[in-house]
């Protein structure tokens, strides 16, 4: 996870905390956190990056919608990151 951007980590956390969210679901959640609009040109390439790193899997809900789900590797990366951060922040 040390090679992810902060935005990619945030996407990973959102996906881990949801049950197979669509890209639009992820977008809405991340926009609330960032308090600004996230365009598709930023969102989907970053989702593709975490899929390509096998931290998230991408599947098809229907013809127009995909879902995203955390993988075991993604869960381990989050846990490892949490342990590291916990050394510095209570």
N, C-alpha and C. Protein backbone atom coordinates (compact mmCIF):
# COMPACT_ATOMS: atom_id res chain seq x y z
N UNK A 1 0.82 -1.18 0.00
CA UNK A 1 0.00 0.00 0.00
C UNK A 1 0.87 1.26 0.00
N UNK A 2 2.15 1.10 0.28
CA UNK A 2 3.03 2.26 0.35
C UNK A 2 3.24 2.92 -1.01
N UNK A 3 2.84 2.25 -2.08
CA UNK A 3 2.97 2.85 -3.41
C UNK A 3 1.66 3.46 -3.93
N UNK A 4 0.65 3.52 -3.08
CA UNK A 4 -0.61 4.14 -3.46
C UNK A 4 -0.60 5.62 -3.09
N UNK A 5 -1.35 6.40 -3.85
CA UNK A 5 -1.54 7.79 -3.47
C UNK A 5 -2.55 7.84 -2.31
N UNK A 6 -2.64 8.96 -1.65
CA UNK A 6 -3.63 9.13 -0.60
C UNK A 6 -5.04 8.93 -1.12
N UNK A 7 -5.30 9.43 -2.32
CA UNK A 7 -6.62 9.27 -2.93
C UNK A 7 -6.94 7.80 -3.17
N UNK A 8 -5.97 7.04 -3.64
CA UNK A 8 -6.17 5.61 -3.88
C UNK A 8 -6.41 4.87 -2.57
N UNK A 9 -5.70 5.26 -1.51
CA UNK A 9 -5.94 4.65 -0.20
C UNK A 9 -7.35 4.96 0.28
N UNK A 10 -7.79 6.19 0.07
CA UNK A 10 -9.14 6.56 0.48
C UNK A 10 -10.18 5.74 -0.27
N UNK A 11 -9.96 5.52 -1.55
CA UNK A 11 -10.87 4.68 -2.34
C UNK A 11 -10.90 3.26 -1.77
N UNK A 12 -9.74 2.76 -1.43
CA UNK A 12 -9.63 1.40 -0.86
C UNK A 12 -10.42 1.31 0.45
N UNK A 13 -10.29 2.31 1.31
CA UNK A 13 -11.03 2.31 2.57
C UNK A 13 -12.54 2.36 2.34
N UNK A 14 -12.98 3.19 1.41
CA UNK A 14 -14.41 3.28 1.11
C UNK A 14 -14.93 1.93 0.63
N UNK A 15 -14.21 1.29 -0.26
CA UNK A 15 -14.64 0.00 -0.79
C UNK A 15 -14.65 -1.06 0.31
N UNK A 16 -13.65 -1.02 1.18
CA UNK A 16 -13.59 -2.00 2.27
C UNK A 16 -14.75 -1.85 3.23
N UNK A 17 -15.26 -0.63 3.36
CA UNK A 17 -16.35 -0.37 4.30
C UNK A 17 -17.74 -0.53 3.72
N UNK A 18 -17.82 -0.95 2.48
CA UNK A 18 -19.13 -1.09 1.82
C UNK A 18 -19.28 -2.51 1.28
N UNK A 19 -20.50 -2.86 0.93
CA UNK A 19 -20.77 -4.17 0.38
C UNK A 19 -20.93 -4.06 -1.13
N UNK A 20 -19.85 -4.31 -1.82
CA UNK A 20 -19.79 -4.28 -3.29
C UNK A 20 -20.40 -3.01 -3.88
N UNK A 21 -19.81 -1.85 -3.53
CA UNK A 21 -20.35 -0.60 -4.05
C UNK A 21 -20.08 -0.46 -5.55
N UNK A 22 -20.96 0.24 -6.23
CA UNK A 22 -20.74 0.59 -7.63
C UNK A 22 -19.74 1.75 -7.66
N UNK A 23 -19.23 2.05 -8.84
CA UNK A 23 -18.36 3.20 -8.99
C UNK A 23 -19.05 4.48 -8.55
N UNK A 24 -20.33 4.60 -8.86
CA UNK A 24 -21.09 5.78 -8.47
C UNK A 24 -21.22 5.87 -6.95
N UNK A 25 -21.42 4.73 -6.29
CA UNK A 25 -21.49 4.71 -4.82
C UNK A 25 -20.17 5.18 -4.22
N UNK A 26 -19.07 4.70 -4.77
CA UNK A 26 -17.75 5.10 -4.28
C UNK A 26 -17.56 6.59 -4.50
N UNK A 27 -17.94 7.06 -5.67
CA UNK A 27 -17.82 8.49 -6.01
C UNK A 27 -18.58 9.35 -5.02
N UNK A 28 -19.81 8.99 -4.73
CA UNK A 28 -20.63 9.77 -3.80
C UNK A 28 -20.02 9.81 -2.40
N UNK A 29 -19.53 8.68 -1.96
CA UNK A 29 -18.94 8.60 -0.62
C UNK A 29 -17.65 9.43 -0.54
N UNK A 30 -16.82 9.32 -1.55
CA UNK A 30 -15.54 10.04 -1.52
C UNK A 30 -15.76 11.54 -1.68
N UNK A 31 -16.80 11.93 -2.42
CA UNK A 31 -17.12 13.35 -2.57
C UNK A 31 -17.56 13.95 -1.24
N UNK A 32 -18.24 13.18 -0.42
CA UNK A 32 -18.63 13.67 0.91
C UNK A 32 -17.39 13.95 1.76
N UNK A 33 -16.44 13.04 1.70
CA UNK A 33 -15.22 13.20 2.49
C UNK A 33 -14.39 14.38 1.99
N UNK A 34 -14.24 14.49 0.68
CA UNK A 34 -13.41 15.54 0.09
C UNK A 34 -14.14 16.88 -0.02
N UNK A 35 -15.44 16.86 0.21
CA UNK A 35 -16.28 18.07 0.10
C UNK A 35 -16.12 18.77 -1.24
N UNK A 36 -15.94 17.99 -2.28
CA UNK A 36 -15.85 18.53 -3.63
C UNK A 36 -16.21 17.45 -4.64
N UNK A 37 -16.52 17.89 -5.85
CA UNK A 37 -16.89 16.95 -6.90
C UNK A 37 -15.64 16.24 -7.43
N UNK A 38 -15.76 14.94 -7.59
CA UNK A 38 -14.68 14.12 -8.16
C UNK A 38 -15.13 13.72 -9.55
N UNK A 39 -14.36 14.09 -10.56
CA UNK A 39 -14.79 13.77 -11.93
C UNK A 39 -14.38 12.34 -12.30
N UNK A 40 -15.02 11.83 -13.33
CA UNK A 40 -14.78 10.46 -13.77
C UNK A 40 -13.33 10.25 -14.20
N UNK A 41 -12.72 11.28 -14.76
CA UNK A 41 -11.33 11.18 -15.21
C UNK A 41 -10.34 11.00 -14.08
N UNK A 42 -10.75 11.34 -12.88
CA UNK A 42 -9.91 11.11 -11.71
C UNK A 42 -10.29 9.80 -11.03
N UNK A 43 -11.58 9.55 -10.92
CA UNK A 43 -12.06 8.40 -10.17
C UNK A 43 -11.68 7.06 -10.80
N UNK A 44 -12.09 6.86 -12.03
CA UNK A 44 -11.97 5.53 -12.63
C UNK A 44 -10.54 5.08 -12.92
N UNK A 45 -9.64 5.96 -13.35
CA UNK A 45 -8.25 5.50 -13.48
C UNK A 45 -7.65 5.08 -12.14
N UNK A 46 -8.03 5.76 -11.06
CA UNK A 46 -7.53 5.39 -9.75
C UNK A 46 -8.16 4.09 -9.25
N UNK A 47 -9.43 3.88 -9.55
CA UNK A 47 -10.04 2.58 -9.23
C UNK A 47 -9.35 1.47 -10.01
N UNK A 48 -9.06 1.72 -11.27
CA UNK A 48 -8.36 0.72 -12.09
C UNK A 48 -6.99 0.39 -11.51
N UNK A 49 -6.31 1.38 -10.97
CA UNK A 49 -4.99 1.14 -10.37
C UNK A 49 -5.09 0.17 -9.20
N UNK A 50 -6.05 0.39 -8.31
CA UNK A 50 -6.13 -0.52 -7.15
C UNK A 50 -6.67 -1.89 -7.55
N UNK A 51 -7.43 -1.95 -8.65
CA UNK A 51 -7.83 -3.26 -9.19
C UNK A 51 -6.60 -3.97 -9.76
N UNK A 52 -5.79 -3.25 -10.54
CA UNK A 52 -4.60 -3.84 -11.15
C UNK A 52 -3.58 -4.30 -10.12
N UNK A 53 -3.58 -3.66 -8.96
CA UNK A 53 -2.68 -4.07 -7.87
C UNK A 53 -3.28 -5.21 -7.04
N UNK A 54 -4.46 -5.67 -7.46
CA UNK A 54 -5.16 -6.80 -6.84
C UNK A 54 -5.57 -6.55 -5.40
N UNK A 55 -5.77 -5.27 -5.06
CA UNK A 55 -6.27 -4.92 -3.74
C UNK A 55 -7.79 -4.90 -3.72
N UNK A 56 -8.37 -4.77 -4.91
CA UNK A 56 -9.81 -4.70 -5.11
C UNK A 56 -10.13 -5.53 -6.34
N UNK A 57 -11.29 -6.18 -6.32
CA UNK A 57 -11.76 -6.86 -7.52
C UNK A 57 -12.92 -6.08 -8.10
N UNK A 58 -13.04 -6.17 -9.40
CA UNK A 58 -14.09 -5.46 -10.12
C UNK A 58 -14.97 -6.49 -10.81
N UNK A 59 -16.26 -6.35 -10.64
CA UNK A 59 -17.21 -7.26 -11.27
C UNK A 59 -18.32 -6.46 -11.91
N UNK A 60 -19.21 -7.15 -12.56
CA UNK A 60 -20.29 -6.48 -13.27
C UNK A 60 -21.62 -6.70 -12.57
N UNK A 61 -22.30 -5.58 -12.24
CA UNK A 61 -23.64 -5.66 -11.66
C UNK A 61 -24.68 -5.83 -12.75
N UNK A 62 -24.54 -5.06 -13.79
CA UNK A 62 -25.40 -5.16 -14.97
C UNK A 62 -24.61 -4.59 -16.15
N UNK A 63 -25.27 -4.36 -17.26
CA UNK A 63 -24.56 -3.90 -18.46
C UNK A 63 -23.83 -2.58 -18.26
N UNK A 64 -24.34 -1.73 -17.39
CA UNK A 64 -23.78 -0.40 -17.24
C UNK A 64 -23.04 -0.17 -15.95
N UNK A 65 -23.20 -1.05 -14.98
CA UNK A 65 -22.61 -0.83 -13.65
C UNK A 65 -21.64 -1.94 -13.27
N UNK A 66 -20.54 -1.51 -12.71
CA UNK A 66 -19.59 -2.44 -12.12
C UNK A 66 -19.66 -2.32 -10.60
N UNK A 67 -19.23 -3.35 -9.93
CA UNK A 67 -19.08 -3.28 -8.48
C UNK A 67 -17.61 -3.46 -8.14
N UNK A 68 -17.26 -3.04 -6.95
CA UNK A 68 -15.90 -3.18 -6.46
C UNK A 68 -15.96 -3.87 -5.10
N UNK A 69 -15.02 -4.76 -4.85
CA UNK A 69 -14.98 -5.49 -3.58
C UNK A 69 -13.53 -5.65 -3.14
N UNK A 70 -13.31 -5.50 -1.87
CA UNK A 70 -11.97 -5.65 -1.31
C UNK A 70 -11.53 -7.10 -1.43
N UNK A 71 -10.27 -7.32 -1.71
CA UNK A 71 -9.72 -8.67 -1.77
C UNK A 71 -9.02 -8.98 -0.45
N UNK A 72 -8.63 -10.22 -0.27
CA UNK A 72 -7.86 -10.58 0.92
C UNK A 72 -6.57 -9.79 0.98
N UNK A 73 -5.94 -9.61 -0.16
CA UNK A 73 -4.70 -8.82 -0.21
C UNK A 73 -4.97 -7.37 0.18
N UNK A 74 -6.11 -6.84 -0.25
CA UNK A 74 -6.49 -5.48 0.12
C UNK A 74 -6.73 -5.35 1.62
N UNK A 75 -7.40 -6.33 2.19
CA UNK A 75 -7.63 -6.33 3.64
C UNK A 75 -6.31 -6.37 4.41
N UNK A 76 -5.38 -7.21 3.94
CA UNK A 76 -4.07 -7.29 4.59
C UNK A 76 -3.32 -5.98 4.50
N UNK A 77 -3.41 -5.32 3.35
CA UNK A 77 -2.74 -4.03 3.16
C UNK A 77 -3.31 -2.99 4.11
N UNK A 78 -4.62 -2.98 4.28
CA UNK A 78 -5.25 -2.03 5.21
C UNK A 78 -4.81 -2.33 6.64
N UNK A 79 -4.79 -3.59 7.01
CA UNK A 79 -4.38 -3.98 8.36
C UNK A 79 -2.93 -3.58 8.62
N UNK A 80 -2.08 -3.84 7.66
CA UNK A 80 -0.66 -3.49 7.80
C UNK A 80 -0.50 -1.98 7.93
N UNK A 81 -1.24 -1.22 7.13
CA UNK A 81 -1.19 0.25 7.20
C UNK A 81 -1.69 0.73 8.56
N UNK A 82 -2.77 0.13 9.04
CA UNK A 82 -3.32 0.51 10.34
C UNK A 82 -2.30 0.27 11.46
N UNK A 83 -1.62 -0.86 11.42
CA UNK A 83 -0.60 -1.16 12.43
C UNK A 83 0.52 -0.13 12.38
N UNK A 84 0.94 0.25 11.19
CA UNK A 84 2.01 1.23 11.04
C UNK A 84 1.57 2.59 11.58
N UNK A 85 0.38 3.04 11.19
CA UNK A 85 -0.13 4.33 11.65
C UNK A 85 -0.30 4.33 13.17
N UNK A 86 -0.74 3.22 13.72
CA UNK A 86 -0.98 3.12 15.17
C UNK A 86 0.28 3.34 15.99
N UNK A 87 1.44 3.13 15.40
CA UNK A 87 2.70 3.38 16.11
C UNK A 87 2.88 4.87 16.41
N UNK A 88 2.26 5.70 15.61
CA UNK A 88 2.49 7.14 15.69
C UNK A 88 1.29 7.94 16.19
N UNK A 89 0.10 7.35 16.04
CA UNK A 89 -1.12 8.04 16.40
C UNK A 89 -1.96 7.13 17.29
N UNK A 90 -2.41 7.64 18.41
CA UNK A 90 -3.28 6.85 19.28
C UNK A 90 -4.71 6.95 18.86
